[in-house]
Amino acid sequence: MNYKLIIILPLLVIFMIACIKTKKLTVPASLLAGLIGFLIRTGAGYPGLIILVAFFIMGVLATSHKKELKANAGEQQRTASQVFANGGMAAILATIAIFYPHREELNLMMAASLASATADTLSSELGMVYGRRFYNVLTFKRDGKGLNGVVSLEGTILGAAGALVIAGIYGIGHGFNYQCLVIVFAGIMGNLADSVLGATLERKHKIGNDTVNFLNTLFAAFVAGLLY
């Protein structure tokens, strides 16, 4: 372990304590978030860690914004399963990158998975606030606000904007090129996959929301890897 990794450990501890004190995450979720942060910093460097932090900040702000207007207004602390559902794919890719540090596609796939998680969070949380008309993603018929597989134009645009922010951070760290476009596209496709899974398997109670969230990040990483 080099000195840069030693420096990051106290910062991760402070982050975990802050999440527990502010009740953003449960204790197990905070510990898992710290581990994911450490793995991503080790495997993807500071650009990867900054992307993770950006996702977390945007997610917290979006979740807290006008909470009284949302269908999930009663939800409070995020659990460990929710943390893994959103950041687990990135952590897995980061772990692989530790052993294969020169595989550029792993950083791209990692960023894409977090772009998808960001797009999903912003589109659902802010879509419930700013969306005007809500549609079933499969039938395009009007449907209930906050239901699984329901989307709005406003939420979709806000989700895409979140993926764009992640791509921008990636570009600052790795250079602005076609890979940034891949991240945005993969993030949007992952968010779409989330809605499709929500409208089908989740509505039928075949899988839960955490599984849907993990699968959308997996799909986004796959898309990015395919387009690399």
C-alpha atoms as a PDB file:
ATOM      1  CA  MET A   1       0.000   0.000   0.000  1.00  0.00           C
ATOM      2  CA  ASN A   2       1.519   3.355  -0.985  1.00  0.00           C
ATOM      3  CA  TYR A   3       1.302   6.598   0.936  1.00  0.00           C
ATOM      4  CA  LYS A   4      -1.543   7.933  -1.228  1.00  0.00           C
ATOM      5  CA  LEU A   5      -3.768   5.061  -0.128  1.00  0.00           C
ATOM      6  CA  ILE A   6      -2.798   5.640   3.495  1.00  0.00           C
ATOM      7  CA  ILE A   7      -3.872   9.279   3.140  1.00  0.00           C
ATOM      8  CA  ILE A   8      -7.286   8.344   1.756  1.00  0.00           C
ATOM      9  CA  LEU A   9      -8.164   6.033   4.644  1.00  0.00           C
ATOM     10  CA  PRO A  10      -8.815   8.816   7.225  1.00  0.00           C
ATOM     11  CA  LEU A  11     -10.961  10.633   4.672  1.00  0.00           C
ATOM     12  CA  LEU A  12     -13.048   7.522   4.094  1.00  0.00           C
ATOM     13  CA  VAL A  13     -13.452   7.066   7.851  1.00  0.00           C
ATOM     14  CA  ILE A  14     -14.629  10.676   8.189  1.00  0.00           C
ATOM     15  CA  PHE A  15     -17.069  10.079   5.333  1.00  0.00           C
ATOM     16  CA  MET A  16     -18.463   6.953   6.968  1.00  0.00           C
ATOM     17  CA  ILE A  17     -18.898   8.683  10.328  1.00  0.00           C
ATOM     18  CA  ALA A  18     -20.628  11.633   8.644  1.00  0.00           C
ATOM     19  CA  CYS A  19     -23.049   9.307   6.854  1.00  0.00           C
ATOM     20  CA  ILE A  20     -23.919   7.600  10.130  1.00  0.00           C
ATOM     21  CA  LYS A  21     -24.280  10.862  12.084  1.00  0.00           C
ATOM     22  CA  THR A  22     -26.488  12.469   9.440  1.00  0.00           C
ATOM     23  CA  LYS A  23     -28.487   9.225   9.101  1.00  0.00           C
ATOM     24  CA  LYS A  24     -27.950   9.071   5.354  1.00  0.00           C
ATOM     25  CA  LEU A  25     -26.702   5.480   5.635  1.00  0.00           C
ATOM     26  CA  THR A  26     -27.041   2.733   8.215  1.00  0.00           C
ATOM     27  CA  VAL A  27     -23.864   1.596   9.964  1.00  0.00           C
ATOM     28  CA  PRO A  28     -23.416  -1.501   7.732  1.00  0.00           C
ATOM     29  CA  ALA A  29     -24.186   0.630   4.663  1.00  0.00           C
ATOM     30  CA  SER A  30     -21.586   3.209   5.704  1.00  0.00           C
ATOM     31  CA  LEU A  31     -18.954   0.521   6.190  1.00  0.00           C
ATOM     32  CA  LEU A  32     -19.755  -0.954   2.790  1.00  0.00           C
ATOM     33  CA  ALA A  33     -19.669   2.486   1.172  1.00  0.00           C
ATOM     34  CA  GLY A  34     -16.223   3.061   2.670  1.00  0.00           C
ATOM     35  CA  LEU A  35     -15.007  -0.289   1.320  1.00  0.00           C
ATOM     36  CA  ILE A  36     -16.400   0.486  -2.128  1.00  0.00           C
ATOM     37  CA  GLY A  37     -14.680   3.876  -2.035  1.00  0.00           C
ATOM     38  CA  PHE A  38     -11.376   2.265  -1.090  1.00  0.00           C
ATOM     39  CA  LEU A  39     -11.622  -0.333  -3.855  1.00  0.00           C
ATOM     40  CA  ILE A  40     -12.506   2.275  -6.467  1.00  0.00           C
ATOM     41  CA  ARG A  41      -9.682   4.560  -5.346  1.00  0.00           C
ATOM     42  CA  THR A  42      -7.256   1.632  -5.513  1.00  0.00           C
ATOM     43  CA  GLY A  43      -8.441   0.338  -8.866  1.00  0.00           C
ATOM     44  CA  ALA A  44      -9.423   3.544 -10.662  1.00  0.00           C
ATOM     45  CA  GLY A  45      -7.445   6.267  -8.892  1.00  0.00           C
ATOM     46  CA  TYR A  46      -8.799   9.614  -7.764  1.00  0.00           C
ATOM     47  CA  PRO A  47     -10.901  10.176 -10.921  1.00  0.00           C
ATOM     48  CA  GLY A  48     -12.870   7.032 -10.092  1.00  0.00           C
ATOM     49  CA  LEU A  49     -13.273   8.074  -6.457  1.00  0.00           C
ATOM     50  CA  ILE A  50     -14.449  11.552  -7.462  1.00  0.00           C
ATOM     51  CA  ILE A  51     -17.038   9.992  -9.764  1.00  0.00           C
ATOM     52  CA  LEU A  52     -18.293   7.876  -6.857  1.00  0.00           C
ATOM     53  CA  VAL A  53     -18.461  10.934  -4.584  1.00  0.00           C
ATOM     54  CA  ALA A  54     -20.303  12.893  -7.285  1.00  0.00           C
ATOM     55  CA  PHE A  55     -22.864  10.099  -7.599  1.00  0.00           C
ATOM     56  CA  PHE A  56     -23.346  10.042  -3.833  1.00  0.00           C
ATOM     57  CA  ILE A  57     -23.759  13.817  -3.551  1.00  0.00           C
ATOM     58  CA  MET A  58     -26.200  14.031  -6.462  1.00  0.00           C
ATOM     59  CA  GLY A  59     -28.135  11.069  -5.095  1.00  0.00           C
ATOM     60  CA  VAL A  60     -28.424  12.544  -1.597  1.00  0.00           C
ATOM     61  CA  LEU A  61     -29.482  15.947  -2.920  1.00  0.00           C
ATOM     62  CA  ALA A  62     -32.024  14.449  -5.317  1.00  0.00           C
ATOM     63  CA  THR A  63     -33.477  12.172  -2.637  1.00  0.00           C
ATOM     64  CA  SER A  64     -33.786  15.005  -0.114  1.00  0.00           C
ATOM     65  CA  HIS A  65     -35.176  17.545  -2.587  1.00  0.00           C
ATOM     66  CA  LYS A  66     -38.877  18.231  -1.909  1.00  0.00           C
ATOM     67  CA  LYS A  67     -39.211  14.879  -0.189  1.00  0.00           C
ATOM     68  CA  GLU A  68     -42.788  15.579   0.867  1.00  0.00           C
ATOM     69  CA  LEU A  69     -43.916  15.368  -2.775  1.00  0.00           C
ATOM     70  CA  LYS A  70     -42.547  11.872  -3.324  1.00  0.00           C
ATOM     71  CA  ALA A  71     -44.194   8.493  -3.074  1.00  0.00           C
ATOM     72  CA  ASN A  72     -41.276   7.172  -0.974  1.00  0.00           C
ATOM     73  CA  ALA A  73     -41.289  10.097   1.460  1.00  0.00           C
ATOM     74  CA  GLY A  74     -41.141   7.719   4.427  1.00  0.00           C
ATOM     75  CA  GLU A  75     -37.787   6.204   3.468  1.00  0.00           C
ATOM     76  CA  GLN A  76     -34.794   7.430   5.434  1.00  0.00           C
ATOM     77  CA  GLN A  77     -31.431   5.712   5.779  1.00  0.00           C
ATOM     78  CA  ARG A  78     -29.995   3.725   2.889  1.00  0.00           C
ATOM     79  CA  THR A  79     -29.189   0.129   3.698  1.00  0.00           C
ATOM     80  CA  ALA A  80     -26.139  -1.945   2.776  1.00  0.00           C
ATOM     81  CA  SER A  81     -28.106  -3.779   0.092  1.00  0.00           C
ATOM     82  CA  GLN A  82     -29.052  -0.450  -1.508  1.00  0.00           C
ATOM     83  CA  VAL A  83     -25.442   0.725  -1.419  1.00  0.00           C
ATOM     84  CA  PHE A  84     -24.266  -2.474  -3.080  1.00  0.00           C
ATOM     85  CA  ALA A  85     -27.056  -2.318  -5.644  1.00  0.00           C
ATOM     86  CA  ASN A  86     -25.804   1.071  -6.832  1.00  0.00           C
ATOM     87  CA  GLY A  87     -22.051   0.803  -6.278  1.00  0.00           C
ATOM     88  CA  GLY A  88     -21.386  -2.926  -6.222  1.00  0.00           C
ATOM     89  CA  MET A  89     -20.775  -3.245  -9.956  1.00  0.00           C
ATOM     90  CA  ALA A  90     -18.263  -0.400  -9.850  1.00  0.00           C
ATOM     91  CA  ALA A  91     -16.534  -2.040  -6.887  1.00  0.00           C
ATOM     92  CA  ILE A  92     -16.311  -5.382  -8.711  1.00  0.00           C
ATOM     93  CA  LEU A  93     -14.781  -3.711 -11.767  1.00  0.00           C
ATOM     94  CA  ALA A  94     -12.395  -1.742  -9.558  1.00  0.00           C
ATOM     95  CA  THR A  95     -11.250  -4.943  -7.879  1.00  0.00           C
ATOM     96  CA  ILE A  96     -10.523  -6.484 -11.291  1.00  0.00           C
ATOM     97  CA  ALA A  97      -8.676  -3.289 -12.263  1.00  0.00           C
ATOM     98  CA  ILE A  98      -6.381  -3.684  -9.254  1.00  0.00           C
ATOM     99  CA  PHE A  99      -4.981  -6.836 -10.856  1.00  0.00           C
ATOM    100  CA  TYR A 100      -5.184  -5.503 -14.434  1.00  0.00           C
ATOM    101  CA  PRO A 101      -4.291  -1.806 -13.964  1.00  0.00           C
ATOM    102  CA  HIS A 102      -3.686  -1.063 -17.649  1.00  0.00           C
ATOM    103  CA  ARG A 103      -7.079  -2.243 -18.892  1.00  0.00           C
ATOM    104  CA  GLU A 104      -8.611   1.094 -19.886  1.00  0.00           C
ATOM    105  CA  GLU A 105     -12.002  -0.425 -20.600  1.00  0.00           C
ATOM    106  CA  LEU A 106     -12.441  -1.279 -16.928  1.00  0.00           C
ATOM    107  CA  ASN A 107     -12.362   2.421 -15.979  1.00  0.00           C
ATOM    108  CA  LEU A 108     -14.830   3.157 -18.755  1.00  0.00           C
ATOM    109  CA  MET A 109     -17.200   0.395 -17.638  1.00  0.00           C
ATOM    110  CA  MET A 110     -16.896   1.527 -14.039  1.00  0.00           C
ATOM    111  CA  ALA A 111     -17.845   5.097 -14.944  1.00  0.00           C
ATOM    112  CA  ALA A 112     -20.729   3.827 -17.076  1.00  0.00           C
ATOM    113  CA  SER A 113     -22.139   1.782 -14.200  1.00  0.00           C
ATOM    114  CA  LEU A 114     -22.105   4.839 -11.941  1.00  0.00           C
ATOM    115  CA  ALA A 115     -23.560   6.995 -14.730  1.00  0.00           C
ATOM    116  CA  SER A 116     -26.465   4.552 -14.882  1.00  0.00           C
ATOM    117  CA  ALA A 117     -26.902   4.614 -11.099  1.00  0.00           C
ATOM    118  CA  THR A 118     -26.867   8.419 -11.202  1.00  0.00           C
ATOM    119  CA  ALA A 119     -29.329   8.608 -14.094  1.00  0.00           C
ATOM    120  CA  ASP A 120     -31.677   6.181 -12.367  1.00  0.00           C
ATOM    121  CA  THR A 121     -31.589   8.048  -9.054  1.00  0.00           C
ATOM    122  CA  LEU A 122     -32.089  11.494 -10.560  1.00  0.00           C
ATOM    123  CA  SER A 123     -34.778  10.426 -13.001  1.00  0.00           C
ATOM    124  CA  SER A 124     -36.834   8.689 -10.317  1.00  0.00           C
ATOM    125  CA  GLU A 125     -36.311  11.139  -7.444  1.00  0.00           C
ATOM    126  CA  LEU A 126     -36.537  14.382  -9.432  1.00  0.00           C
ATOM    127  CA  GLY A 127     -38.998  12.980 -11.946  1.00  0.00           C
ATOM    128  CA  MET A 128     -41.536  12.585  -9.131  1.00  0.00           C
ATOM    129  CA  VAL A 129     -41.095  16.279  -8.334  1.00  0.00           C
ATOM    130  CA  TYR A 130     -40.890  17.870 -11.776  1.00  0.00           C
ATOM    131  CA  GLY A 131     -42.603  15.310 -13.981  1.00  0.00           C
ATOM    132  CA  ARG A 132     -45.924  16.454 -15.439  1.00  0.00           C
ATOM    133  CA  ARG A 133     -47.119  13.332 -17.212  1.00  0.00           C
ATOM    134  CA  PHE A 134     -46.167   9.791 -16.295  1.00  0.00           C
ATOM    135  CA  TYR A 135     -46.138   6.848 -18.683  1.00  0.00           C
ATOM    136  CA  ASN A 136     -45.536   3.124 -18.545  1.00  0.00           C
ATOM    137  CA  VAL A 137     -42.202   2.593 -20.290  1.00  0.00           C
ATOM    138  CA  LEU A 138     -43.520  -0.419 -22.230  1.00  0.00           C
ATOM    139  CA  THR A 139     -47.012   0.663 -23.265  1.00  0.00           C
ATOM    140  CA  PHE A 140     -46.515   4.458 -23.247  1.00  0.00           C
ATOM    141  CA  LYS A 141     -49.932   4.703 -21.629  1.00  0.00           C
ATOM    142  CA  ARG A 142     -50.526   7.060 -18.729  1.00  0.00           C
ATOM    143  CA  ASP A 143     -49.644   5.440 -15.431  1.00  0.00           C
ATOM    144  CA  GLY A 144     -49.323   6.283 -11.755  1.00  0.00           C
ATOM    145  CA  LYS A 145     -46.560   8.517 -10.441  1.00  0.00           C
ATOM    146  CA  GLY A 146     -43.881   6.583  -8.547  1.00  0.00           C
ATOM    147  CA  LEU A 147     -44.897   3.132  -9.775  1.00  0.00           C
ATOM    148  CA  ASN A 148     -42.288   0.678 -11.044  1.00  0.00           C
ATOM    149  CA  GLY A 149     -41.531   1.121 -14.729  1.00  0.00           C
ATOM    150  CA  VAL A 150     -43.157   4.548 -14.931  1.00  0.00           C
ATOM    151  CA  VAL A 151     -41.210   7.377 -16.563  1.00  0.00           C
ATOM    152  CA  SER A 152     -41.641  11.054 -17.363  1.00  0.00           C
ATOM    153  CA  LEU A 153     -39.977  13.243 -19.968  1.00  0.00           C
ATOM    154  CA  GLU A 154     -38.657  15.601 -17.307  1.00  0.00           C
ATOM    155  CA  GLY A 155     -37.237  12.768 -15.211  1.00  0.00           C
ATOM    156  CA  THR A 156     -35.594  11.148 -18.220  1.00  0.00           C
ATOM    157  CA  ILE A 157     -33.888  14.418 -19.174  1.00  0.00           C
ATOM    158  CA  LEU A 158     -32.690  15.008 -15.616  1.00  0.00           C
ATOM    159  CA  GLY A 159     -31.337  11.457 -15.503  1.00  0.00           C
ATOM    160  CA  ALA A 160     -29.445  12.013 -18.746  1.00  0.00           C
ATOM    161  CA  ALA A 161     -28.019  15.218 -17.270  1.00  0.00           C
ATOM    162  CA  GLY A 162     -26.713  13.203 -14.325  1.00  0.00           C
ATOM    163  CA  ALA A 163     -24.992  10.762 -16.686  1.00  0.00           C
ATOM    164  CA  LEU A 164     -23.502  13.770 -18.495  1.00  0.00           C
ATOM    165  CA  VAL A 165     -22.019  15.061 -15.237  1.00  0.00           C
ATOM    166  CA  ILE A 166     -20.378  11.682 -14.609  1.00  0.00           C
ATOM    167  CA  ALA A 167     -19.013  11.674 -18.175  1.00  0.00           C
ATOM    168  CA  GLY A 168     -17.654  15.188 -17.655  1.00  0.00           C
ATOM    169  CA  ILE A 169     -15.770  14.149 -14.525  1.00  0.00           C
ATOM    170  CA  TYR A 170     -14.405  11.132 -16.388  1.00  0.00           C
ATOM    171  CA  GLY A 171     -13.285  13.446 -19.194  1.00  0.00           C
ATOM    172  CA  ILE A 172     -11.416  15.710 -16.773  1.00  0.00           C
ATOM    173  CA  GLY A 173      -9.534  12.711 -15.411  1.00  0.00           C
ATOM    174  CA  HIS A 174      -8.980  10.745 -18.617  1.00  0.00           C
ATOM    175  CA  GLY A 175      -9.395  13.238 -21.444  1.00  0.00           C
ATOM    176  CA  PHE A 176     -12.458  14.303 -23.417  1.00  0.00           C
ATOM    177  CA  ASN A 177     -13.025  11.897 -26.281  1.00  0.00           C
ATOM    178  CA  TYR A 178     -15.606   9.466 -27.604  1.00  0.00           C
ATOM    179  CA  GLN A 179     -15.491   7.541 -24.326  1.00  0.00           C
ATOM    180  CA  CYS A 180     -17.392  10.373 -22.650  1.00  0.00           C
ATOM    181  CA  LEU A 181     -20.200   9.892 -25.165  1.00  0.00           C
ATOM    182  CA  VAL A 182     -20.123   6.160 -24.470  1.00  0.00           C
ATOM    183  CA  ILE A 183     -20.603   6.832 -20.757  1.00  0.00           C
ATOM    184  CA  VAL A 184     -23.590   9.106 -21.365  1.00  0.00           C
ATOM    185  CA  PHE A 185     -25.170   6.624 -23.772  1.00  0.00           C
ATOM    186  CA  ALA A 186     -24.527   3.653 -21.472  1.00  0.00           C
ATOM    187  CA  GLY A 187     -25.928   5.582 -18.514  1.00  0.00           C
ATOM    188  CA  ILE A 188     -29.129   6.379 -20.400  1.00  0.00           C
ATOM    189  CA  MET A 189     -29.449   2.779 -21.610  1.00  0.00           C
ATOM    190  CA  GLY A 190     -28.924   1.490 -18.076  1.00  0.00           C
ATOM    191  CA  ASN A 191     -31.631   3.811 -16.809  1.00  0.00           C
ATOM    192  CA  LEU A 192     -33.966   2.588 -19.546  1.00  0.00           C
ATOM    193  CA  ALA A 193     -33.177  -1.017 -18.623  1.00  0.00           C
ATOM    194  CA  ASP A 194     -34.068  -0.183 -15.023  1.00  0.00           C
ATOM    195  CA  SER A 195     -37.491   1.068 -16.120  1.00  0.00           C
ATOM    196  CA  VAL A 196     -38.117  -1.998 -18.298  1.00  0.00           C
ATOM    197  CA  LEU A 197     -37.188  -4.348 -15.451  1.00  0.00           C
ATOM    198  CA  GLY A 198     -39.390  -2.308 -13.142  1.00  0.00           C
ATOM    199  CA  ALA A 199     -42.368  -2.559 -15.483  1.00  0.00           C
ATOM    200  CA  THR A 200     -41.956  -6.312 -15.907  1.00  0.00           C
ATOM    201  CA  LEU A 201     -40.159  -8.446 -13.329  1.00  0.00           C
ATOM    202  CA  GLU A 202     -40.383  -6.024 -10.415  1.00  0.00           C
ATOM    203  CA  ARG A 203     -44.105  -5.384 -10.886  1.00  0.00           C
ATOM    204  CA  LYS A 204     -44.654  -9.127 -10.928  1.00  0.00           C
ATOM    205  CA  HIS A 205     -42.619  -9.394  -7.719  1.00  0.00           C
ATOM    206  CA  LYS A 206     -40.067 -11.665  -9.380  1.00  0.00           C
ATOM    207  CA  ILE A 207     -37.180  -9.443  -8.299  1.00  0.00           C
ATOM    208  CA  GLY A 208     -36.787  -6.552  -5.872  1.00  0.00           C
ATOM    209  CA  ASN A 209     -35.655  -2.971  -6.369  1.00  0.00           C
ATOM    210  CA  ASP A 210     -32.086  -3.654  -5.244  1.00  0.00           C
ATOM    211  CA  THR A 211     -31.733  -6.371  -7.880  1.00  0.00           C
ATOM    212  CA  VAL A 212     -33.158  -4.027 -10.520  1.00  0.00           C
ATOM    213  CA  ASN A 213     -30.660  -1.337  -9.557  1.00  0.00           C
ATOM    214  CA  PHE A 214     -27.725  -3.724  -9.687  1.00  0.00           C
ATOM    215  CA  LEU A 215     -28.798  -5.098 -13.058  1.00  0.00           C
ATOM    216  CA  ASN A 216     -29.105  -1.635 -14.576  1.00  0.00           C
ATOM    217  CA  THR A 217     -25.509  -0.826 -13.581  1.00  0.00           C
ATOM    218  CA  LEU A 218     -24.402  -4.211 -14.933  1.00  0.00           C
ATOM    219  CA  PHE A 219     -26.174  -3.523 -18.230  1.00  0.00           C
ATOM    220  CA  ALA A 220     -24.595  -0.076 -18.524  1.00  0.00           C
ATOM    221  CA  ALA A 221     -21.128  -1.535 -17.903  1.00  0.00           C
ATOM    222  CA  PHE A 222     -21.808  -4.181 -20.546  1.00  0.00           C
ATOM    223  CA  VAL A 223     -22.878  -1.549 -23.076  1.00  0.00           C
ATOM    224  CA  ALA A 224     -19.759   0.508 -22.396  1.00  0.00           C
ATOM    225  CA  GLY A 225     -17.524  -2.539 -22.694  1.00  0.00           C
ATOM    226  CA  LEU A 226     -19.199  -3.461 -25.962  1.00  0.00           C
ATOM    227  CA  LEU A 227     -18.648   0.020 -27.387  1.00  0.00           C
ATOM    228  CA  TYR A 228     -15.055   0.364 -26.132  1.00  0.00           C
END
